């Protein structure tokens, strides 16, 4: 499990993200967080609850962590920006709020 060099971290977790990633790598429970990982088959990001990382099988596969957030809305915003970027569209936070993302 590796963290992406352009790791997205929500503002409230900026000071804690290194310890959170360490806990996730060691299979410790970190409740209440959403982890954005790269799906190895499709190459696209997906959202996982952090409690899933205590399952042993996740440590057997290669995962790239793209982001960590404590709010589901922030995780959706990251995904919306990622998908919009694939299609060459820029998306502001205000635009995403209009669509309840």
Protein backbone atom coordinates (compact mmCIF):
# COMPACT_ATOMS: atom_id res chain seq x y z
CA UNK A 1 0.00 0.00 0.00
CA UNK A 2 1.52 3.29 -1.08
CA UNK A 3 0.39 6.89 -0.84
CA UNK A 4 0.23 8.88 -4.04
CA UNK A 5 2.72 11.73 -4.35
CA UNK A 6 -0.23 14.12 -4.90
CA UNK A 7 -2.19 12.80 -1.90
CA UNK A 8 -5.46 14.66 -1.27
CA UNK A 9 -6.01 15.30 2.44
CA UNK A 10 -9.00 17.18 3.83
CA UNK A 11 -8.19 20.32 5.80
CA UNK A 12 -9.10 18.83 9.18
CA UNK A 13 -6.62 15.94 8.70
CA UNK A 14 -3.59 17.89 7.42
CA UNK A 15 -1.66 17.45 10.69
CA UNK A 16 -2.55 13.78 11.17
CA UNK A 17 -2.36 12.20 7.73
CA UNK A 18 1.06 10.54 8.17
CA UNK A 19 -0.02 8.70 11.31
CA UNK A 20 -3.31 7.75 9.62
CA UNK A 21 -1.50 6.20 6.66
CA UNK A 22 0.82 4.33 9.04
CA UNK A 23 -2.18 2.94 10.92
CA UNK A 24 -3.88 1.89 7.66
CA UNK A 25 -0.70 0.12 6.51
CA UNK A 26 -0.53 -1.82 9.79
CA UNK A 27 -4.20 -2.84 9.70
CA UNK A 28 -5.22 -0.69 12.66
CA UNK A 29 -8.79 0.56 12.87
CA UNK A 30 -9.17 4.24 12.02
CA UNK A 31 -12.91 4.92 12.30
CA UNK A 32 -14.84 7.67 10.57
CA UNK A 33 -12.57 8.27 7.59
CA UNK A 34 -12.96 7.78 3.87
CA UNK A 35 -9.98 6.61 1.84
CA UNK A 36 -9.83 7.20 -1.89
CA UNK A 37 -7.87 4.44 -3.63
CA UNK A 38 -7.02 3.72 -7.23
CA UNK A 39 -8.86 0.73 -8.61
CA UNK A 40 -6.11 -1.35 -10.22
CA UNK A 41 -8.42 -2.91 -12.81
CA UNK A 42 -10.12 0.23 -14.11
CA UNK A 43 -7.48 2.77 -13.12
CA UNK A 44 -10.19 4.97 -11.65
CA UNK A 45 -10.52 6.20 -8.07
CA UNK A 46 -13.04 4.73 -5.65
CA UNK A 47 -14.08 5.51 -2.08
CA UNK A 48 -13.59 3.01 0.75
CA UNK A 49 -14.37 3.35 4.43
CA UNK A 50 -11.20 3.25 6.48
CA UNK A 51 -12.40 0.36 8.65
CA UNK A 52 -12.05 -1.95 5.61
CA UNK A 53 -8.29 -1.57 5.83
CA UNK A 54 -8.12 -3.82 8.90
CA UNK A 55 -9.05 -6.76 6.65
CA UNK A 56 -5.99 -8.85 5.88
CA UNK A 57 -6.73 -9.47 2.21
CA UNK A 58 -6.38 -5.75 1.42
CA UNK A 59 -2.73 -5.96 2.41
CA UNK A 60 -2.13 -8.70 -0.15
CA UNK A 61 -3.05 -6.51 -3.09
CA UNK A 62 -1.30 -3.41 -4.36
CA UNK A 63 -3.27 -0.31 -3.41
CA UNK A 64 -2.46 3.31 -4.12
CA UNK A 65 -4.03 5.79 -1.70
CA UNK A 66 -5.10 8.90 -3.58
CA UNK A 67 -6.79 10.73 -0.71
CA UNK A 68 -7.99 10.71 2.88
CA UNK A 69 -10.96 12.67 4.18
CA UNK A 70 -13.30 12.67 7.13
CA UNK A 71 -16.31 13.85 5.12
CA UNK A 72 -18.03 11.88 2.41
CA UNK A 73 -18.81 15.10 0.53
CA UNK A 74 -15.09 15.89 0.27
CA UNK A 75 -14.45 12.41 -1.11
CA UNK A 76 -17.20 12.89 -3.70
CA UNK A 77 -15.75 16.27 -4.64
CA UNK A 78 -12.36 14.63 -5.21
CA UNK A 79 -13.96 12.00 -7.44
CA UNK A 80 -15.93 14.63 -9.36
CA UNK A 81 -12.75 16.63 -9.98
CA UNK A 82 -10.93 13.50 -11.05
CA UNK A 83 -13.61 12.45 -13.54
CA UNK A 84 -13.99 16.01 -14.83
CA UNK A 85 -10.24 16.15 -15.37
CA UNK A 86 -10.36 13.00 -17.48
CA UNK A 87 -12.82 14.71 -19.80
CA UNK A 88 -11.02 18.06 -19.83
CA UNK A 89 -13.68 19.86 -17.79
CA UNK A 90 -12.83 22.06 -14.82
CA UNK A 91 -15.13 21.85 -11.83
CA UNK A 92 -15.20 24.34 -8.98
CA UNK A 93 -16.46 23.47 -5.52
CA UNK A 94 -19.45 25.79 -6.07
CA UNK A 95 -20.38 23.92 -9.25
CA UNK A 96 -20.17 20.60 -7.49
CA UNK A 97 -22.38 21.89 -4.67
CA UNK A 98 -25.03 22.81 -7.24
CA UNK A 99 -25.24 19.13 -8.14
CA UNK A 100 -25.18 17.96 -4.50
CA UNK A 101 -21.74 16.35 -4.92
